[in-house]
Amino acid sequence: METFQTTFVIIFWTLFGIYFTYKLYRSIRIVSAQDCIVVEKFGKYSRTLHAGLHLLWPFIEKDSYHHTLKEQATDVPPQTCITKDNVKVEMDGILYLKVLDPYKASYGINDYQFAASQ
């Protein structure tokens, strides 16, 4: 009976060690240049991670939003316009976007790219 308990304890601590090591490995974040990550602690905004190596607290913090800080080109659908001399002209455009504040891009609006093209 005692060998069963010893085996159970060894298996339990081995599985716990593997799980803890996995969670610790998953808490390391490497953020590349021109990217940022918005971190939430217990579901509330905590901080913004910029380029570099960062460590998140396992079970407490999670990376919620990933944003690129590069300039993004969005196609604007073509629209027909009437000029002052009653000539129909079709306009097509490209909109260039850049995230300046990751907090506002995450929590201010659902889809900032769609909203900018409207």
C-alpha atoms as a PDB file:
ATOM      1  CA  MET A   1       0.000   0.000   0.000  1.00  0.00           C
ATOM      2  CA  GLU A   2       2.860   2.340   0.808  1.00  0.00           C
ATOM      3  CA  THR A   3       4.452   1.872  -2.633  1.00  0.00           C
ATOM      4  CA  PHE A   4       1.167   2.927  -4.234  1.00  0.00           C
ATOM      5  CA  GLN A   5       1.143   6.146  -2.221  1.00  0.00           C
ATOM      6  CA  THR A   6       4.788   6.812  -3.040  1.00  0.00           C
ATOM      7  CA  THR A   7       4.156   6.209  -6.747  1.00  0.00           C
ATOM      8  CA  PHE A   8       1.089   8.462  -6.651  1.00  0.00           C
ATOM      9  CA  VAL A   9       3.046  11.253  -4.958  1.00  0.00           C
ATOM     10  CA  ILE A  10       5.895  10.974  -7.487  1.00  0.00           C
ATOM     11  CA  ILE A  11       3.482  11.052 -10.434  1.00  0.00           C
ATOM     12  CA  PHE A  12       1.558  13.983  -8.933  1.00  0.00           C
ATOM     13  CA  TRP A  13       4.672  16.131  -8.348  1.00  0.00           C
ATOM     14  CA  THR A  14       6.092  15.227 -11.763  1.00  0.00           C
ATOM     15  CA  LEU A  15       2.890  16.315 -13.506  1.00  0.00           C
ATOM     16  CA  PHE A  16       2.717  19.453 -11.364  1.00  0.00           C
ATOM     17  CA  GLY A  17       6.339  20.294 -12.248  1.00  0.00           C
ATOM     18  CA  ILE A  18       5.695  19.779 -15.964  1.00  0.00           C
ATOM     19  CA  TYR A  19       2.559  21.960 -15.812  1.00  0.00           C
ATOM     20  CA  PHE A  20       4.333  24.708 -13.837  1.00  0.00           C
ATOM     21  CA  THR A  21       7.279  24.683 -16.255  1.00  0.00           C
ATOM     22  CA  TYR A  22       4.888  24.923 -19.206  1.00  0.00           C
ATOM     23  CA  LYS A  23       3.032  27.894 -17.671  1.00  0.00           C
ATOM     24  CA  LEU A  24       6.328  29.610 -16.882  1.00  0.00           C
ATOM     25  CA  TYR A  25       7.513  29.082 -20.464  1.00  0.00           C
ATOM     26  CA  ARG A  26       4.223  30.475 -21.838  1.00  0.00           C
ATOM     27  CA  SER A  27       4.566  33.593 -19.659  1.00  0.00           C
ATOM     28  CA  ILE A  28       7.728  34.766 -21.447  1.00  0.00           C
ATOM     29  CA  ARG A  29       6.922  37.230 -24.227  1.00  0.00           C
ATOM     30  CA  ILE A  30       9.355  38.507 -26.836  1.00  0.00           C
ATOM     31  CA  VAL A  31       7.950  41.593 -28.551  1.00  0.00           C
ATOM     32  CA  SER A  32       9.591  42.490 -31.831  1.00  0.00           C
ATOM     33  CA  ALA A  33      10.335  46.006 -33.027  1.00  0.00           C
ATOM     34  CA  GLN A  34       7.324  47.940 -34.365  1.00  0.00           C
ATOM     35  CA  ASP A  35       4.906  45.721 -32.386  1.00  0.00           C
ATOM     36  CA  CYS A  36       3.226  46.063 -29.028  1.00  0.00           C
ATOM     37  CA  ILE A  37       1.110  43.894 -26.756  1.00  0.00           C
ATOM     38  CA  VAL A  38      -1.655  45.087 -24.433  1.00  0.00           C
ATOM     39  CA  VAL A  39      -1.625  43.182 -21.125  1.00  0.00           C
ATOM     40  CA  GLU A  40      -4.638  42.663 -18.864  1.00  0.00           C
ATOM     41  CA  LYS A  41      -4.409  41.763 -15.200  1.00  0.00           C
ATOM     42  CA  PHE A  42      -7.534  39.972 -13.939  1.00  0.00           C
ATOM     43  CA  GLY A  43      -9.395  41.187 -17.044  1.00  0.00           C
ATOM     44  CA  LYS A  44      -8.530  44.877 -16.600  1.00  0.00           C
ATOM     45  CA  TYR A  45      -5.934  46.896 -18.546  1.00  0.00           C
ATOM     46  CA  SER A  46      -2.565  46.731 -16.841  1.00  0.00           C
ATOM     47  CA  ARG A  47       0.186  47.859 -19.210  1.00  0.00           C
ATOM     48  CA  THR A  48       1.499  47.961 -22.771  1.00  0.00           C
ATOM     49  CA  LEU A  49       4.583  45.972 -23.715  1.00  0.00           C
ATOM     50  CA  HIS A  50       6.896  47.436 -26.343  1.00  0.00           C
ATOM     51  CA  ALA A  51       9.935  45.867 -28.055  1.00  0.00           C
ATOM     52  CA  GLY A  52      12.010  43.561 -25.875  1.00  0.00           C
ATOM     53  CA  LEU A  53      11.828  40.573 -23.539  1.00  0.00           C
ATOM     54  CA  HIS A  54       8.997  40.601 -20.979  1.00  0.00           C
ATOM     55  CA  LEU A  55       7.692  38.252 -18.298  1.00  0.00           C
ATOM     56  CA  LEU A  56       3.994  37.964 -17.471  1.00  0.00           C
ATOM     57  CA  TRP A  57       2.716  36.616 -14.166  1.00  0.00           C
ATOM     58  CA  PRO A  58       1.235  33.165 -14.862  1.00  0.00           C
ATOM     59  CA  PHE A  59      -2.494  32.839 -14.006  1.00  0.00           C
ATOM     60  CA  ILE A  60      -2.714  36.598 -13.267  1.00  0.00           C
ATOM     61  CA  GLU A  61      -1.784  38.436 -16.466  1.00  0.00           C
ATOM     62  CA  LYS A  62      -2.572  37.648 -20.089  1.00  0.00           C
ATOM     63  CA  ASP A  63      -1.732  39.285 -23.377  1.00  0.00           C
ATOM     64  CA  SER A  64      -5.026  40.434 -24.809  1.00  0.00           C
ATOM     65  CA  TYR A  65      -4.267  42.445 -27.936  1.00  0.00           C
ATOM     66  CA  HIS A  66      -1.386  42.437 -30.402  1.00  0.00           C
ATOM     67  CA  HIS A  67      -0.875  45.569 -32.511  1.00  0.00           C
ATOM     68  CA  THR A  68       1.596  46.487 -35.181  1.00  0.00           C
ATOM     69  CA  LEU A  69       2.932  50.033 -35.010  1.00  0.00           C
ATOM     70  CA  LYS A  70       3.816  50.035 -38.694  1.00  0.00           C
ATOM     71  CA  GLU A  71       1.907  52.072 -41.234  1.00  0.00           C
ATOM     72  CA  GLN A  72      -0.938  49.996 -42.727  1.00  0.00           C
ATOM     73  CA  ALA A  73      -2.543  50.599 -46.110  1.00  0.00           C
ATOM     74  CA  THR A  74      -6.321  50.078 -46.311  1.00  0.00           C
ATOM     75  CA  ASP A  75      -8.210  50.165 -49.581  1.00  0.00           C
ATOM     76  CA  VAL A  76     -11.196  52.517 -49.688  1.00  0.00           C
ATOM     77  CA  PRO A  77     -14.040  51.257 -51.906  1.00  0.00           C
ATOM     78  CA  PRO A  78     -14.658  53.321 -55.061  1.00  0.00           C
ATOM     79  CA  GLN A  79     -17.375  55.965 -54.903  1.00  0.00           C
ATOM     80  CA  THR A  80     -19.150  57.872 -57.646  1.00  0.00           C
ATOM     81  CA  CYS A  81     -19.211  61.634 -57.194  1.00  0.00           C
ATOM     82  CA  ILE A  82     -20.873  64.404 -59.191  1.00  0.00           C
ATOM     83  CA  THR A  83     -18.734  67.448 -59.811  1.00  0.00           C
ATOM     84  CA  LYS A  84     -19.908  71.064 -59.947  1.00  0.00           C
ATOM     85  CA  ASP A  85     -20.360  70.866 -63.738  1.00  0.00           C
ATOM     86  CA  ASN A  86     -22.518  67.656 -63.469  1.00  0.00           C
ATOM     87  CA  VAL A  87     -19.850  65.180 -64.540  1.00  0.00           C
ATOM     88  CA  LYS A  88     -19.772  61.793 -62.827  1.00  0.00           C
ATOM     89  CA  VAL A  89     -16.337  60.898 -61.506  1.00  0.00           C
ATOM     90  CA  GLU A  90     -15.412  57.636 -59.799  1.00  0.00           C
ATOM     91  CA  MET A  91     -13.036  58.120 -56.873  1.00  0.00           C
ATOM     92  CA  ASP A  92     -10.825  55.387 -55.486  1.00  0.00           C
ATOM     93  CA  GLY A  93      -8.389  55.770 -52.630  1.00  0.00           C
ATOM     94  CA  ILE A  94      -5.970  54.234 -50.220  1.00  0.00           C
ATOM     95  CA  LEU A  95      -6.006  55.104 -46.548  1.00  0.00           C
ATOM     96  CA  TYR A  96      -2.804  54.864 -44.529  1.00  0.00           C
ATOM     97  CA  LEU A  97      -3.260  54.036 -40.832  1.00  0.00           C
ATOM     98  CA  LYS A  98      -0.812  53.940 -37.963  1.00  0.00           C
ATOM     99  CA  VAL A  99      -1.562  52.963 -34.362  1.00  0.00           C
ATOM    100  CA  LEU A 100      -0.260  55.686 -32.061  1.00  0.00           C
ATOM    101  CA  ASP A 101      -2.006  54.637 -28.837  1.00  0.00           C
ATOM    102  CA  PRO A 102      -2.435  50.848 -28.407  1.00  0.00           C
ATOM    103  CA  TYR A 103      -4.795  51.338 -25.448  1.00  0.00           C
ATOM    104  CA  LYS A 104      -7.270  53.359 -27.529  1.00  0.00           C
ATOM    105  CA  ALA A 105      -6.905  50.974 -30.485  1.00  0.00           C
ATOM    106  CA  SER A 106      -7.784  48.057 -28.191  1.00  0.00           C
ATOM    107  CA  TYR A 107     -10.573  49.474 -26.041  1.00  0.00           C
ATOM    108  CA  GLY A 108     -11.818  52.511 -27.960  1.00  0.00           C
ATOM    109  CA  ILE A 109     -13.438  50.772 -30.932  1.00  0.00           C
ATOM    110  CA  ASN A 110     -13.954  47.187 -32.135  1.00  0.00           C
ATOM    111  CA  ASP A 111     -12.400  47.482 -35.609  1.00  0.00           C
ATOM    112  CA  TYR A 112     -10.470  50.697 -36.152  1.00  0.00           C
ATOM    113  CA  GLN A 113      -9.505  49.766 -39.730  1.00  0.00           C
ATOM    114  CA  PHE A 114     -13.157  49.371 -40.746  1.00  0.00           C
ATOM    115  CA  ALA A 115     -14.173  52.552 -38.923  1.00  0.00           C
ATOM    116  CA  ALA A 116     -11.458  54.593 -40.638  1.00  0.00           C
ATOM    117  CA  SER A 117     -12.536  53.458 -44.095  1.00  0.00           C
ATOM    118  CA  GLN A 118     -16.180  54.492 -43.558  1.00  0.00           C
END
